[in-house]
N, C-alpha and C. Protein backbone atom coordinates (compact mmCIF):
# COMPACT_ATOMS: atom_id res chain seq x y z
N MET A 1 158.01 194.79 -74.68
CA MET A 1 158.51 195.55 -73.56
C MET A 1 158.35 194.76 -72.27
N SER A 2 159.01 195.18 -71.25
CA SER A 2 158.98 194.47 -69.98
C SER A 2 157.69 194.71 -69.20
N THR A 3 156.95 195.76 -69.53
CA THR A 3 155.72 196.04 -68.79
C THR A 3 154.67 194.96 -69.00
N ILE A 4 154.61 194.40 -70.18
CA ILE A 4 153.61 193.38 -70.47
C ILE A 4 153.91 192.11 -69.72
N SER A 5 155.15 191.69 -69.66
CA SER A 5 155.47 190.46 -68.95
C SER A 5 155.22 190.60 -67.46
N SER A 6 155.46 191.76 -66.91
CA SER A 6 155.22 191.94 -65.48
C SER A 6 153.72 192.01 -65.20
N VAL A 7 152.95 192.54 -66.12
CA VAL A 7 151.51 192.61 -65.95
C VAL A 7 150.90 191.22 -66.01
N SER A 8 151.31 190.42 -66.97
CA SER A 8 150.72 189.10 -67.11
C SER A 8 151.07 188.20 -65.94
N SER A 9 152.23 188.34 -65.38
CA SER A 9 152.57 187.52 -64.23
C SER A 9 151.82 187.96 -62.99
N SER A 10 151.50 189.23 -62.90
CA SER A 10 150.78 189.70 -61.73
C SER A 10 149.30 189.34 -61.81
N THR A 11 148.74 189.22 -63.01
CA THR A 11 147.32 188.90 -63.13
C THR A 11 147.05 187.43 -62.86
N THR A 12 148.00 186.57 -63.07
CA THR A 12 147.75 185.16 -62.84
C THR A 12 147.65 184.84 -61.36
N SER A 13 148.23 185.65 -60.51
CA SER A 13 148.17 185.40 -59.08
C SER A 13 147.18 186.34 -58.40
N ALA A 14 146.08 186.62 -59.09
CA ALA A 14 145.09 187.55 -58.57
C ALA A 14 144.27 186.90 -57.47
N SER A 15 143.95 187.67 -56.47
CA SER A 15 143.04 187.23 -55.43
C SER A 15 141.86 188.18 -55.41
N SER A 16 140.75 187.73 -54.84
CA SER A 16 139.55 188.56 -54.89
C SER A 16 139.73 189.86 -54.12
N SER A 17 140.52 189.85 -53.05
CA SER A 17 140.71 191.07 -52.28
C SER A 17 141.64 192.04 -52.99
N GLY A 18 142.50 191.56 -53.85
CA GLY A 18 143.44 192.42 -54.53
C GLY A 18 142.99 192.85 -55.91
N ASN A 19 141.76 192.50 -56.30
CA ASN A 19 141.29 192.84 -57.65
C ASN A 19 141.27 194.34 -57.87
N THR A 20 140.80 195.10 -56.91
CA THR A 20 140.69 196.54 -57.12
C THR A 20 142.06 197.19 -57.22
N SER A 21 142.99 196.76 -56.40
CA SER A 21 144.34 197.34 -56.48
C SER A 21 145.04 196.92 -57.76
N GLN A 22 144.76 195.70 -58.20
CA GLN A 22 145.35 195.21 -59.43
C GLN A 22 144.80 195.99 -60.63
N ILE A 23 143.51 196.23 -60.64
CA ILE A 23 142.89 196.99 -61.72
C ILE A 23 143.42 198.42 -61.70
N ALA A 24 143.60 198.97 -60.51
CA ALA A 24 144.13 200.34 -60.40
C ALA A 24 145.54 200.42 -60.98
N SER A 25 146.37 199.42 -60.69
CA SER A 25 147.74 199.45 -61.23
C SER A 25 147.73 199.28 -62.74
N LEU A 26 146.82 198.45 -63.26
CA LEU A 26 146.70 198.29 -64.71
C LEU A 26 146.21 199.58 -65.36
N ASN A 27 145.30 200.27 -64.68
CA ASN A 27 144.83 201.56 -65.22
C ASN A 27 145.96 202.59 -65.24
N LYS A 28 146.83 202.55 -64.24
CA LYS A 28 147.99 203.45 -64.24
C LYS A 28 148.91 203.14 -65.41
N GLN A 29 149.08 201.87 -65.71
CA GLN A 29 149.91 201.49 -66.85
C GLN A 29 149.28 201.97 -68.15
N ILE A 30 147.96 201.88 -68.24
CA ILE A 30 147.28 202.38 -69.43
C ILE A 30 147.49 203.89 -69.56
N GLN A 31 147.42 204.59 -68.44
CA GLN A 31 147.63 206.04 -68.47
C GLN A 31 149.05 206.38 -68.94
N SER A 32 150.03 205.65 -68.44
CA SER A 32 151.40 205.93 -68.86
C SER A 32 151.62 205.59 -70.33
N LEU A 33 151.01 204.51 -70.81
CA LEU A 33 151.13 204.16 -72.23
C LEU A 33 150.41 205.20 -73.10
N THR A 34 149.29 205.70 -72.62
CA THR A 34 148.57 206.73 -73.36
C THR A 34 149.41 208.01 -73.43
N LYS A 35 150.08 208.33 -72.33
CA LYS A 35 150.95 209.51 -72.33
C LYS A 35 152.11 209.32 -73.32
N GLU A 36 152.69 208.12 -73.33
CA GLU A 36 153.76 207.83 -74.29
C GLU A 36 153.24 207.98 -75.71
N LEU A 37 152.01 207.53 -75.93
CA LEU A 37 151.41 207.61 -77.25
C LEU A 37 151.23 209.06 -77.68
N LYS A 38 150.81 209.91 -76.75
CA LYS A 38 150.65 211.34 -77.06
C LYS A 38 152.01 212.00 -77.30
N ASP A 39 153.00 211.62 -76.49
CA ASP A 39 154.34 212.19 -76.65
C ASP A 39 154.98 211.75 -77.96
N LEU A 40 154.58 210.60 -78.43
CA LEU A 40 155.14 210.06 -79.66
C LEU A 40 154.82 210.96 -80.86
N SER A 41 153.64 211.53 -80.86
CA SER A 41 153.25 212.37 -82.00
C SER A 41 154.10 213.64 -82.11
N SER A 42 154.62 214.11 -80.97
CA SER A 42 155.43 215.33 -81.01
C SER A 42 156.93 215.03 -81.10
N ASP A 43 157.29 213.76 -81.18
CA ASP A 43 158.71 213.37 -81.26
C ASP A 43 159.21 213.56 -82.69
N ASP A 44 160.21 214.41 -82.84
CA ASP A 44 160.75 214.69 -84.18
C ASP A 44 161.96 213.82 -84.52
N THR A 45 162.44 213.02 -83.59
CA THR A 45 163.63 212.22 -83.84
C THR A 45 163.32 210.94 -84.62
N LEU A 46 162.05 210.55 -84.65
CA LEU A 46 161.67 209.31 -85.34
C LEU A 46 161.08 209.61 -86.71
N THR A 47 161.24 208.66 -87.60
CA THR A 47 160.62 208.79 -88.91
C THR A 47 159.13 208.45 -88.78
N ASP A 48 158.38 208.74 -89.82
CA ASP A 48 156.94 208.44 -89.80
C ASP A 48 156.69 206.94 -89.66
N GLU A 49 157.53 206.15 -90.30
CA GLU A 49 157.38 204.70 -90.21
C GLU A 49 157.64 204.21 -88.79
N GLN A 50 158.69 204.73 -88.16
CA GLN A 50 159.00 204.34 -86.79
C GLN A 50 157.90 204.79 -85.83
N LYS A 51 157.36 205.98 -86.07
CA LYS A 51 156.26 206.46 -85.24
C LYS A 51 155.04 205.54 -85.37
N SER A 52 154.78 205.13 -86.60
CA SER A 52 153.64 204.25 -86.85
C SER A 52 153.83 202.91 -86.13
N GLU A 53 155.02 202.36 -86.21
CA GLU A 53 155.30 201.08 -85.54
C GLU A 53 155.17 201.23 -84.02
N GLN A 54 155.73 202.31 -83.48
CA GLN A 54 155.63 202.55 -82.04
C GLN A 54 154.17 202.75 -81.61
N GLU A 55 153.43 203.45 -82.44
CA GLU A 55 152.02 203.70 -82.15
C GLU A 55 151.25 202.39 -82.11
N GLN A 56 151.50 201.52 -83.07
CA GLN A 56 150.83 200.22 -83.10
C GLN A 56 151.21 199.38 -81.90
N LEU A 57 152.48 199.43 -81.52
CA LEU A 57 152.95 198.67 -80.37
C LEU A 57 152.28 199.17 -79.09
N LEU A 58 152.23 200.46 -78.90
CA LEU A 58 151.62 201.02 -77.70
C LEU A 58 150.12 200.73 -77.66
N GLU A 59 149.45 200.84 -78.80
CA GLU A 59 148.02 200.56 -78.84
C GLU A 59 147.74 199.09 -78.54
N SER A 60 148.58 198.21 -79.03
CA SER A 60 148.37 196.78 -78.76
C SER A 60 148.61 196.48 -77.28
N GLN A 61 149.59 197.15 -76.67
CA GLN A 61 149.82 196.96 -75.24
C GLN A 61 148.62 197.45 -74.43
N ILE A 62 148.06 198.58 -74.83
CA ILE A 62 146.88 199.10 -74.14
C ILE A 62 145.72 198.12 -74.27
N GLN A 63 145.53 197.57 -75.45
CA GLN A 63 144.45 196.60 -75.66
C GLN A 63 144.65 195.35 -74.81
N MET A 64 145.89 194.90 -74.70
CA MET A 64 146.17 193.71 -73.88
C MET A 64 145.87 193.99 -72.41
N ILE A 65 146.23 195.15 -71.94
CA ILE A 65 145.96 195.49 -70.54
C ILE A 65 144.46 195.62 -70.31
N GLU A 66 143.74 196.23 -71.26
CA GLU A 66 142.29 196.33 -71.13
C GLU A 66 141.65 194.94 -71.11
N ALA A 67 142.18 194.03 -71.89
CA ALA A 67 141.66 192.65 -71.89
C ALA A 67 141.91 191.99 -70.54
N GLN A 68 143.06 192.26 -69.94
CA GLN A 68 143.36 191.70 -68.62
C GLN A 68 142.41 192.26 -67.57
N ILE A 69 142.10 193.54 -67.66
CA ILE A 69 141.15 194.15 -66.73
C ILE A 69 139.78 193.50 -66.88
N ALA A 70 139.36 193.31 -68.11
CA ALA A 70 138.07 192.66 -68.37
C ALA A 70 138.05 191.24 -67.82
N GLN A 71 139.16 190.53 -67.96
CA GLN A 71 139.25 189.16 -67.45
C GLN A 71 139.15 189.15 -65.93
N ILE A 72 139.83 190.07 -65.27
CA ILE A 72 139.79 190.15 -63.81
C ILE A 72 138.37 190.44 -63.34
N GLU A 73 137.71 191.39 -64.01
CA GLU A 73 136.34 191.74 -63.64
C GLU A 73 135.39 190.57 -63.87
N GLN A 74 135.60 189.83 -64.96
CA GLN A 74 134.75 188.68 -65.24
C GLN A 74 134.94 187.59 -64.20
N GLN A 75 136.19 187.33 -63.82
CA GLN A 75 136.45 186.32 -62.80
C GLN A 75 135.82 186.72 -61.47
N ALA A 76 135.90 188.00 -61.13
CA ALA A 76 135.30 188.47 -59.89
C ALA A 76 133.78 188.32 -59.93
N ALA A 77 133.17 188.61 -61.08
CA ALA A 77 131.73 188.47 -61.21
C ALA A 77 131.30 187.01 -61.11
N GLU A 78 132.07 186.12 -61.74
CA GLU A 78 131.75 184.69 -61.67
C GLU A 78 131.87 184.17 -60.24
N LYS A 79 132.90 184.61 -59.55
CA LYS A 79 133.10 184.18 -58.17
C LYS A 79 131.97 184.69 -57.28
N ALA A 80 131.55 185.92 -57.49
CA ALA A 80 130.45 186.48 -56.71
C ALA A 80 129.15 185.74 -57.00
N GLN A 81 128.94 185.37 -58.26
CA GLN A 81 127.74 184.63 -58.63
C GLN A 81 127.74 183.24 -57.98
N GLN A 82 128.90 182.57 -57.98
CA GLN A 82 128.99 181.26 -57.34
C GLN A 82 128.71 181.36 -55.85
N GLN A 83 129.24 182.38 -55.21
CA GLN A 83 129.00 182.55 -53.78
C GLN A 83 127.52 182.81 -53.51
N GLN A 84 126.89 183.60 -54.38
CA GLN A 84 125.47 183.89 -54.21
C GLN A 84 124.64 182.62 -54.39
N GLU A 85 125.00 181.80 -55.38
CA GLU A 85 124.28 180.54 -55.60
C GLU A 85 124.43 179.61 -54.42
N GLN A 86 125.64 179.53 -53.87
CA GLN A 86 125.86 178.68 -52.70
C GLN A 86 125.04 179.17 -51.51
N GLN A 87 124.99 180.47 -51.33
CA GLN A 87 124.22 181.04 -50.23
C GLN A 87 122.74 180.74 -50.40
N GLN A 88 122.25 180.85 -51.63
CA GLN A 88 120.84 180.55 -51.88
C GLN A 88 120.54 179.08 -51.63
N LYS A 89 121.45 178.20 -52.01
CA LYS A 89 121.26 176.77 -51.77
C LYS A 89 121.21 176.49 -50.27
N GLN A 90 122.09 177.14 -49.51
CA GLN A 90 122.10 176.93 -48.07
C GLN A 90 120.82 177.45 -47.44
N GLU A 91 120.34 178.60 -47.89
CA GLU A 91 119.11 179.15 -47.36
C GLU A 91 117.92 178.26 -47.70
N THR A 92 117.89 177.75 -48.92
CA THR A 92 116.82 176.87 -49.35
C THR A 92 116.83 175.57 -48.57
N ALA A 93 118.01 175.02 -48.35
CA ALA A 93 118.13 173.77 -47.61
C ALA A 93 117.71 173.95 -46.16
N SER A 94 118.01 175.08 -45.57
CA SER A 94 117.67 175.27 -44.16
C SER A 94 116.19 175.60 -43.98
N THR A 95 115.55 176.21 -44.96
CA THR A 95 114.14 176.57 -44.83
C THR A 95 113.20 175.45 -45.28
N THR A 96 113.67 174.57 -46.11
CA THR A 96 112.83 173.48 -46.57
C THR A 96 112.71 172.44 -45.46
N ALA A 97 111.46 172.14 -45.10
CA ALA A 97 111.24 171.16 -44.04
C ALA A 97 111.46 169.76 -44.60
N LYS A 98 112.11 168.97 -43.81
CA LYS A 98 112.40 167.61 -44.22
C LYS A 98 111.15 166.74 -44.03
N ALA A 99 110.85 165.92 -45.00
CA ALA A 99 109.72 165.02 -44.88
C ALA A 99 110.04 163.93 -43.86
N ASP A 100 109.23 163.86 -42.79
CA ASP A 100 109.51 162.87 -41.75
C ASP A 100 108.44 161.79 -41.68
N GLY A 101 107.42 161.88 -42.51
CA GLY A 101 106.41 160.83 -42.55
C GLY A 101 105.26 161.05 -41.60
N ILE A 102 105.30 162.06 -40.76
CA ILE A 102 104.21 162.28 -39.81
C ILE A 102 103.31 163.40 -40.34
N ASN A 103 103.73 164.61 -40.20
CA ASN A 103 102.94 165.73 -40.71
C ASN A 103 103.34 166.12 -42.12
N ARG A 104 104.50 165.70 -42.53
CA ARG A 104 104.98 165.95 -43.88
C ARG A 104 105.32 164.59 -44.49
N PRO A 105 104.38 164.00 -45.20
CA PRO A 105 104.58 162.63 -45.68
C PRO A 105 105.66 162.51 -46.75
N THR A 106 106.30 161.37 -46.74
CA THR A 106 107.27 161.04 -47.78
C THR A 106 106.53 160.30 -48.88
N ASP A 107 107.23 159.97 -49.96
CA ASP A 107 106.59 159.24 -51.05
C ASP A 107 106.16 157.86 -50.64
N THR A 108 106.89 157.24 -49.75
CA THR A 108 106.56 155.88 -49.32
C THR A 108 105.68 155.86 -48.08
N ASN A 109 105.41 156.99 -47.48
CA ASN A 109 104.69 157.02 -46.23
C ASN A 109 103.51 158.00 -46.32
N LYS A 110 102.62 157.73 -47.27
CA LYS A 110 101.45 158.57 -47.44
C LYS A 110 100.20 157.78 -47.04
N ILE A 111 99.28 158.48 -46.44
CA ILE A 111 98.01 157.86 -46.07
C ILE A 111 96.91 158.63 -46.78
N ASN A 112 96.12 157.89 -47.51
CA ASN A 112 94.96 158.50 -48.17
C ASN A 112 93.74 158.16 -47.33
N VAL A 113 93.12 159.15 -46.77
CA VAL A 113 91.96 158.93 -45.92
C VAL A 113 90.73 159.49 -46.63
N TYR A 114 89.77 158.64 -46.87
CA TYR A 114 88.51 159.07 -47.50
C TYR A 114 87.40 158.85 -46.50
N VAL A 115 86.68 159.86 -46.22
CA VAL A 115 85.58 159.74 -45.26
C VAL A 115 84.28 159.95 -45.99
C-alpha cells in the first residue's frame, strides 16, 4: 500500500525536534490500520482466504510502523546520550585544573623534598 512508502520516506528525514510529531502521525496510522483490521472481520464481501490475507497484510504494516517508532525513539535516546556525554566531558575539562608545574606539578616537573 502507499501508506508504507510514505511512512518510510518521512522517517528517513527525521529531526530531533520533529520526533514527537512524527511518532504521533505514525500512531495515527496504526490506529487507522487497527480500525481497518476490525472492520475487516465484519466485511461479508470477502472470502475467508481474502480476509486472512488482508489481516496478515494489515498486521505486517502495523508491525513495520511500530518498528519505525522504536527506531525513532532509539535514535533520539542515542542522540541525548551523546549530548550528555559531551556535556560531561566539557564540565570535566573545565573543572580539572591544568598542571602548570608550580602548585600542581607535571610528570616532568616534580620536586621531592625530604627534610
